[in-house]
Amino acid sequence: MQYFLERKWARELDYRLIKELWSCTDNRIAVRFAYEWHDDSGHWHRSYGNENWEFNEQGFMRCRYASINDLPIREADRKFFWPLGRRPDGHPGLGDLGL
């Protein structure tokens, strides 16, 4: 797992993420998300997906299922422009951006 994450983080540069709660019941949460990033050649991508999390009785994640699709985009088609780090309060969400 560590090797996978190291490769992913080395490949996905200037990563900016928007994640929105889709559903929440008992010990399960579902979210949808999109993130933008570029590779070391400067090619931009937007990755879309859904995640489902299940937690145990102590509140720790028991399992996570994710489905992610990467879409090449032109730099001019980017929608996430805040400085690296946490998305600023008040920044439009996925629905507001038409995603």
N, C-alpha and C. Protein backbone atom coordinates (compact mmCIF):
# COMPACT_ATOMS: atom_id res chain seq x y z
N MET A 1 0.82 -1.19 0.00
CA MET A 1 0.00 0.00 0.00
C MET A 1 0.86 1.25 0.00
N GLN A 2 1.93 1.25 0.79
CA GLN A 2 2.80 2.42 0.87
C GLN A 2 3.39 2.74 -0.50
N TYR A 3 3.86 1.72 -1.23
CA TYR A 3 4.44 1.94 -2.56
C TYR A 3 3.40 2.52 -3.51
N PHE A 4 2.18 2.00 -3.46
CA PHE A 4 1.10 2.52 -4.30
C PHE A 4 0.87 4.01 -4.04
N LEU A 5 0.76 4.38 -2.76
CA LEU A 5 0.52 5.78 -2.42
C LEU A 5 1.69 6.68 -2.79
N GLU A 6 2.91 6.22 -2.60
CA GLU A 6 4.08 7.01 -2.99
C GLU A 6 4.08 7.28 -4.49
N ARG A 7 3.77 6.26 -5.30
CA ARG A 7 3.69 6.45 -6.76
C ARG A 7 2.58 7.41 -7.13
N LYS A 8 1.41 7.25 -6.50
CA LYS A 8 0.26 8.09 -6.79
C LYS A 8 0.58 9.55 -6.48
N TRP A 9 1.16 9.81 -5.31
CA TRP A 9 1.45 11.19 -4.91
C TRP A 9 2.56 11.80 -5.74
N ALA A 10 3.50 10.98 -6.22
CA ALA A 10 4.57 11.49 -7.08
C ALA A 10 4.03 11.83 -8.47
N ARG A 11 2.98 11.17 -8.89
CA ARG A 11 2.40 11.36 -10.22
C ARG A 11 1.38 12.49 -10.25
N GLU A 12 0.56 12.61 -9.22
CA GLU A 12 -0.55 13.56 -9.19
C GLU A 12 -0.11 14.85 -8.50
N LEU A 13 0.41 15.79 -9.29
CA LEU A 13 0.98 17.03 -8.77
C LEU A 13 -0.07 18.13 -8.68
N ASP A 14 0.12 19.05 -7.74
CA ASP A 14 -0.78 20.20 -7.53
C ASP A 14 -2.24 19.77 -7.40
N TYR A 15 -2.45 18.75 -6.62
CA TYR A 15 -3.73 18.07 -6.39
C TYR A 15 -4.67 18.97 -5.61
N ARG A 16 -5.89 19.18 -6.15
CA ARG A 16 -6.94 19.93 -5.45
C ARG A 16 -8.22 19.11 -5.51
N LEU A 17 -8.87 18.96 -4.36
CA LEU A 17 -9.97 18.01 -4.20
C LEU A 17 -11.22 18.71 -3.68
N ILE A 18 -12.37 18.31 -4.24
CA ILE A 18 -13.67 18.66 -3.66
C ILE A 18 -14.40 17.35 -3.39
N LYS A 19 -14.85 17.19 -2.16
CA LYS A 19 -15.54 15.98 -1.74
C LYS A 19 -16.85 16.40 -1.10
N GLU A 20 -17.95 15.74 -1.45
CA GLU A 20 -19.27 16.07 -0.90
C GLU A 20 -19.96 14.83 -0.37
N LEU A 21 -20.58 14.98 0.79
CA LEU A 21 -21.35 13.90 1.39
C LEU A 21 -22.54 13.59 0.50
N TRP A 22 -22.73 12.31 0.22
CA TRP A 22 -23.83 11.88 -0.62
C TRP A 22 -24.92 11.24 0.24
N SER A 23 -24.47 10.42 1.20
CA SER A 23 -25.42 9.72 2.05
C SER A 23 -24.71 9.30 3.34
N CYS A 24 -25.49 9.21 4.42
CA CYS A 24 -24.94 8.81 5.70
C CYS A 24 -26.02 8.04 6.46
N THR A 25 -25.72 6.81 6.85
CA THR A 25 -26.64 5.97 7.59
C THR A 25 -25.87 5.11 8.57
N ASP A 26 -26.29 5.09 9.82
CA ASP A 26 -25.68 4.24 10.85
C ASP A 26 -24.16 4.36 10.81
N ASN A 27 -23.47 3.30 10.40
CA ASN A 27 -22.01 3.30 10.38
C ASN A 27 -21.43 3.37 8.96
N ARG A 28 -22.20 3.91 8.02
CA ARG A 28 -21.76 4.00 6.63
C ARG A 28 -21.90 5.42 6.10
N ILE A 29 -20.93 5.79 5.27
CA ILE A 29 -20.94 7.11 4.62
C ILE A 29 -20.62 6.90 3.15
N ALA A 30 -21.30 7.64 2.29
CA ALA A 30 -20.98 7.65 0.86
C ALA A 30 -20.69 9.10 0.46
N VAL A 31 -19.64 9.29 -0.31
CA VAL A 31 -19.30 10.62 -0.81
C VAL A 31 -19.04 10.54 -2.31
N ARG A 32 -19.19 11.69 -2.96
CA ARG A 32 -18.74 11.82 -4.34
C ARG A 32 -17.65 12.87 -4.34
N PHE A 33 -16.76 12.79 -5.32
CA PHE A 33 -15.62 13.70 -5.31
C PHE A 33 -15.12 13.95 -6.73
N ALA A 34 -14.37 15.01 -6.85
CA ALA A 34 -13.60 15.31 -8.06
C ALA A 34 -12.32 15.98 -7.61
N TYR A 35 -11.24 15.67 -8.29
CA TYR A 35 -9.99 16.38 -8.02
C TYR A 35 -9.26 16.63 -9.33
N GLU A 36 -8.50 17.71 -9.34
CA GLU A 36 -7.71 18.08 -10.51
C GLU A 36 -6.24 17.99 -10.14
N TRP A 37 -5.44 17.61 -11.11
CA TRP A 37 -4.01 17.44 -10.90
C TRP A 37 -3.33 17.43 -12.26
N HIS A 38 -2.01 17.61 -12.24
CA HIS A 38 -1.25 17.46 -13.48
C HIS A 38 -0.08 16.51 -13.24
N ASP A 39 0.39 15.91 -14.34
CA ASP A 39 1.54 15.02 -14.23
C ASP A 39 2.82 15.83 -14.44
N ASP A 40 3.96 15.16 -14.41
CA ASP A 40 5.23 15.87 -14.53
C ASP A 40 5.50 16.40 -15.93
N SER A 41 4.64 16.08 -16.89
CA SER A 41 4.73 16.65 -18.24
C SER A 41 3.81 17.84 -18.41
N GLY A 42 3.06 18.19 -17.34
CA GLY A 42 2.16 19.33 -17.40
C GLY A 42 0.78 19.02 -17.96
N HIS A 43 0.47 17.75 -18.17
CA HIS A 43 -0.86 17.36 -18.66
C HIS A 43 -1.84 17.33 -17.50
N TRP A 44 -2.96 18.04 -17.65
CA TRP A 44 -3.96 18.14 -16.58
C TRP A 44 -5.00 17.04 -16.69
N HIS A 45 -5.54 16.67 -15.53
CA HIS A 45 -6.57 15.62 -15.43
C HIS A 45 -7.59 16.05 -14.39
N ARG A 46 -8.80 15.58 -14.58
CA ARG A 46 -9.82 15.67 -13.52
C ARG A 46 -10.24 14.24 -13.24
N SER A 47 -10.19 13.86 -11.99
CA SER A 47 -10.57 12.51 -11.57
C SER A 47 -11.88 12.63 -10.81
N TYR A 48 -12.84 11.78 -11.19
CA TYR A 48 -14.17 11.77 -10.58
C TYR A 48 -14.37 10.44 -9.88
N GLY A 49 -15.22 10.43 -8.88
CA GLY A 49 -15.52 9.14 -8.30
C GLY A 49 -16.48 9.19 -7.13
N ASN A 50 -16.66 8.01 -6.57
CA ASN A 50 -17.50 7.78 -5.40
C ASN A 50 -16.72 6.93 -4.42
N GLU A 51 -16.95 7.17 -3.15
CA GLU A 51 -16.35 6.36 -2.10
C GLU A 51 -17.43 5.95 -1.11
N ASN A 52 -17.32 4.74 -0.63
CA ASN A 52 -18.21 4.23 0.41
C ASN A 52 -17.34 3.75 1.56
N TRP A 53 -17.65 4.24 2.74
CA TRP A 53 -16.89 3.88 3.94
C TRP A 53 -17.81 3.19 4.94
N GLU A 54 -17.25 2.21 5.63
CA GLU A 54 -17.95 1.56 6.73
C GLU A 54 -17.03 1.58 7.94
N PHE A 55 -17.60 1.94 9.11
CA PHE A 55 -16.83 2.09 10.33
C PHE A 55 -17.20 1.03 11.35
N ASN A 56 -16.23 0.65 12.19
CA ASN A 56 -16.52 -0.32 13.25
C ASN A 56 -17.09 0.40 14.48
N GLU A 57 -17.32 -0.36 15.54
CA GLU A 57 -17.95 0.18 16.74
C GLU A 57 -17.10 1.26 17.42
N GLN A 58 -15.78 1.25 17.20
CA GLN A 58 -14.89 2.25 17.79
C GLN A 58 -14.73 3.49 16.90
N GLY A 59 -15.38 3.48 15.74
CA GLY A 59 -15.29 4.62 14.84
C GLY A 59 -14.16 4.56 13.83
N PHE A 60 -13.44 3.42 13.81
CA PHE A 60 -12.35 3.26 12.84
C PHE A 60 -12.90 2.68 11.54
N MET A 61 -12.30 3.08 10.42
CA MET A 61 -12.75 2.58 9.13
C MET A 61 -12.53 1.07 9.04
N ARG A 62 -13.60 0.37 8.75
CA ARG A 62 -13.55 -1.09 8.60
C ARG A 62 -13.25 -1.44 7.14
N CYS A 63 -13.91 -0.74 6.23
CA CYS A 63 -13.64 -0.98 4.81
C CYS A 63 -13.97 0.29 4.00
N ARG A 64 -13.33 0.37 2.86
CA ARG A 64 -13.51 1.50 1.95
C ARG A 64 -13.56 0.94 0.54
N TYR A 65 -14.56 1.38 -0.21
CA TYR A 65 -14.68 1.03 -1.62
C TYR A 65 -14.69 2.33 -2.40
N ALA A 66 -13.89 2.39 -3.46
CA ALA A 66 -13.82 3.60 -4.27
C ALA A 66 -13.85 3.23 -5.74
N SER A 67 -14.48 4.10 -6.50
CA SER A 67 -14.48 3.99 -7.95
C SER A 67 -14.02 5.34 -8.48
N ILE A 68 -12.93 5.35 -9.25
CA ILE A 68 -12.33 6.60 -9.71
C ILE A 68 -12.06 6.50 -11.21
N ASN A 69 -12.44 7.56 -11.94
CA ASN A 69 -12.18 7.66 -13.37
C ASN A 69 -11.37 8.93 -13.63
N ASP A 70 -10.29 8.80 -14.40
CA ASP A 70 -9.45 9.93 -14.75
C ASP A 70 -9.80 10.43 -16.14
N LEU A 71 -9.96 11.73 -16.28
CA LEU A 71 -10.31 12.35 -17.55
C LEU A 71 -9.27 13.41 -17.89
N PRO A 72 -8.56 13.28 -19.02
CA PRO A 72 -7.64 14.36 -19.41
C PRO A 72 -8.43 15.63 -19.69
N ILE A 73 -7.92 16.77 -19.23
CA ILE A 73 -8.56 18.07 -19.50
C ILE A 73 -7.49 19.05 -19.97
N ARG A 74 -7.94 20.08 -20.66
CA ARG A 74 -7.02 21.17 -21.02
C ARG A 74 -6.84 22.04 -19.79
N GLU A 75 -5.70 22.67 -19.68
CA GLU A 75 -5.47 23.56 -18.54
C GLU A 75 -6.55 24.63 -18.48
N ALA A 76 -7.03 25.08 -19.64
CA ALA A 76 -8.07 26.10 -19.71
C ALA A 76 -9.41 25.62 -19.16
N ASP A 77 -9.59 24.31 -19.04
CA ASP A 77 -10.85 23.74 -18.53
C ASP A 77 -10.83 23.47 -17.03
N ARG A 78 -9.73 23.83 -16.36
CA ARG A 78 -9.66 23.64 -14.91
C ARG A 78 -10.72 24.47 -14.20
N LYS A 79 -11.17 23.98 -13.04
CA LYS A 79 -12.17 24.69 -12.24
C LYS A 79 -11.72 24.92 -10.80
N PHE A 80 -10.64 24.28 -10.38
CA PHE A 80 -10.18 24.36 -8.99
C PHE A 80 -8.90 25.20 -8.96
N PHE A 81 -8.98 26.43 -8.48
CA PHE A 81 -7.85 27.36 -8.57
C PHE A 81 -7.33 27.89 -7.24
N TRP A 82 -7.76 27.36 -6.12
CA TRP A 82 -7.28 27.89 -4.84
C TRP A 82 -5.82 27.47 -4.63
N PRO A 83 -5.11 28.18 -3.74
CA PRO A 83 -3.73 27.78 -3.42
C PRO A 83 -3.72 26.36 -2.85
N LEU A 84 -2.59 25.69 -3.00
CA LEU A 84 -2.49 24.32 -2.47
C LEU A 84 -2.89 24.29 -1.00
N GLY A 85 -3.54 23.21 -0.63
CA GLY A 85 -4.02 23.05 0.73
C GLY A 85 -5.53 22.89 0.73
N ARG A 86 -6.11 23.12 1.88
CA ARG A 86 -7.55 22.96 2.10
C ARG A 86 -8.35 23.88 1.18
N ARG A 87 -9.46 23.36 0.66
CA ARG A 87 -10.35 24.19 -0.16
C ARG A 87 -10.92 25.30 0.71
N PRO A 88 -10.85 26.54 0.24
CA PRO A 88 -11.34 27.66 1.05
C PRO A 88 -12.85 27.58 1.30
N ASP A 89 -13.27 28.01 2.48
CA ASP A 89 -14.69 28.13 2.77
C ASP A 89 -15.31 29.05 1.73
N GLY A 90 -16.51 28.74 1.28
CA GLY A 90 -17.19 29.57 0.31
C GLY A 90 -16.85 29.24 -1.13
N HIS A 91 -15.86 28.37 -1.38
CA HIS A 91 -15.56 27.98 -2.76
C HIS A 91 -16.70 27.12 -3.28
N PRO A 92 -17.12 27.31 -4.53
CA PRO A 92 -18.24 26.50 -5.05
C PRO A 92 -17.99 25.00 -4.92
N GLY A 93 -19.05 24.25 -4.68
CA GLY A 93 -18.98 22.81 -4.60
C GLY A 93 -19.15 22.18 -5.96
N LEU A 94 -19.21 20.86 -6.00
CA LEU A 94 -19.30 20.15 -7.28
C LEU A 94 -20.56 20.52 -8.06
N GLY A 95 -21.71 20.54 -7.38
CA GLY A 95 -22.95 20.90 -8.07
C GLY A 95 -22.92 22.32 -8.60
N ASP A 96 -22.36 23.25 -7.81
CA ASP A 96 -22.27 24.64 -8.24
C ASP A 96 -21.38 24.79 -9.46
N LEU A 97 -20.39 23.91 -9.60
CA LEU A 97 -19.47 23.98 -10.73
C LEU A 97 -19.96 23.16 -11.93
N GLY A 98 -21.12 22.52 -11.80
CA GLY A 98 -21.65 21.71 -12.88
C GLY A 98 -20.96 20.37 -13.03
N LEU A 99 -20.39 19.85 -11.95
CA LEU A 99 -19.67 18.57 -12.03
C LEU A 99 -20.44 17.45 -11.35
